[in-house]
Amino acid sequence: MQKKKIPMRQCVGCREMKPKRELIRVVRSPGRGAYICPDAKCLAKARKKNALGNAFGCQIPDEVYDQLTEQMEQNINA
């Protein structure tokens, strides 16, 4: 049997390649997304470097980063 290829994506925060299923996909519009680790440290790096803004080609409001932080905390506590 052949092994199934695991799709890899790069985290915009830490810039590491990881399996797609381990990352969170942030979507700006249908078809346009960026991936980030479910880790507060990676989100802080992405926020500091404006990585999501660069990936989407627009300014990202602070509310979006706050919502991502809340969702990550909820997933950890669940």
Protein backbone atom coordinates (compact mmCIF):
# COMPACT_ATOMS: atom_id res chain seq x y z
CA MET A 1 0.00 0.00 0.00
CA GLN A 2 1.11 3.52 -0.72
CA LYS A 3 1.45 6.02 2.07
CA LYS A 4 -0.92 8.95 1.82
CA LYS A 5 0.78 12.32 1.39
CA ILE A 6 0.29 14.65 4.36
CA PRO A 7 -0.35 18.25 3.27
CA MET A 8 2.04 20.69 4.92
CA ARG A 9 1.48 24.40 5.54
CA GLN A 10 3.65 27.17 6.98
CA CYS A 11 2.66 28.99 10.17
CA VAL A 12 2.72 32.77 9.67
CA GLY A 13 3.95 33.23 13.25
CA CYS A 14 6.85 30.83 13.70
CA ARG A 15 7.34 30.12 9.95
CA GLU A 16 7.60 26.36 10.58
CA MET A 17 6.13 23.81 8.20
CA LYS A 18 3.57 21.64 9.98
CA PRO A 19 0.80 19.25 8.96
CA LYS A 20 -2.27 21.14 7.81
CA ARG A 21 -4.54 19.51 10.41
CA GLU A 22 -2.41 20.83 13.29
CA LEU A 23 -2.84 24.47 12.24
CA ILE A 24 -5.69 26.97 12.40
CA ARG A 25 -6.77 28.51 9.10
CA VAL A 26 -7.58 32.22 9.24
CA VAL A 27 -9.77 33.27 6.31
CA ARG A 28 -10.13 36.75 4.85
CA SER A 29 -12.46 35.85 2.01
CA PRO A 30 -13.39 32.57 0.32
CA GLY A 31 -10.25 30.93 -0.96
CA ARG A 32 -7.83 33.32 0.75
CA GLY A 33 -6.43 31.99 3.99
CA ALA A 34 -3.36 31.88 6.21
CA TYR A 35 -2.34 29.25 8.74
CA ILE A 36 -1.20 29.72 12.33
CA CYS A 37 -0.26 27.35 15.14
CA PRO A 38 -2.81 27.01 17.96
CA ASP A 39 -0.27 28.60 20.29
CA ALA A 40 -0.42 32.04 21.90
CA LYS A 41 3.32 32.54 21.27
CA CYS A 42 2.90 32.11 17.51
CA LEU A 43 -0.06 34.46 17.51
CA ALA A 44 1.98 37.06 19.41
CA LYS A 45 4.80 36.75 16.85
CA ALA A 46 2.33 37.07 13.98
CA ARG A 47 0.80 40.15 15.58
CA LYS A 48 4.19 41.77 16.17
CA LYS A 49 5.35 41.11 12.58
CA ASN A 50 1.93 41.96 11.10
CA ALA A 51 2.15 38.57 9.40
CA LEU A 52 -1.59 38.19 8.80
CA GLY A 53 -1.77 41.66 7.31
CA ASN A 54 1.10 40.84 4.97
CA ALA A 55 -0.48 37.51 3.99
CA PHE A 56 -3.81 39.16 3.16
CA GLY A 57 -2.46 42.44 1.81
CA CYS A 58 -4.53 44.60 4.19
CA GLN A 59 -4.58 45.95 7.74
CA ILE A 60 -5.85 43.50 10.35
CA PRO A 61 -7.78 45.14 13.23
CA ASP A 62 -6.78 44.34 16.81
CA GLU A 63 -10.24 42.82 17.36
CA VAL A 64 -9.35 39.95 15.03
CA TYR A 65 -6.24 39.09 17.05
CA ASP A 66 -8.28 39.34 20.26
CA GLN A 67 -10.91 36.94 18.86
CA LEU A 68 -8.20 34.48 17.80
CA THR A 69 -6.68 34.61 21.28
CA GLU A 70 -10.08 33.91 22.88
CA GLN A 71 -10.76 31.00 20.54
CA MET A 72 -7.35 29.47 21.28
CA GLU A 73 -7.98 29.76 25.03
CA GLN A 74 -11.42 28.15 24.66
CA ASN A 75 -9.96 25.22 22.69
CA ILE A 76 -7.26 24.68 25.32
CA ASN A 77 -9.81 24.71 28.17
CA ALA A 78 -12.27 22.43 26.35
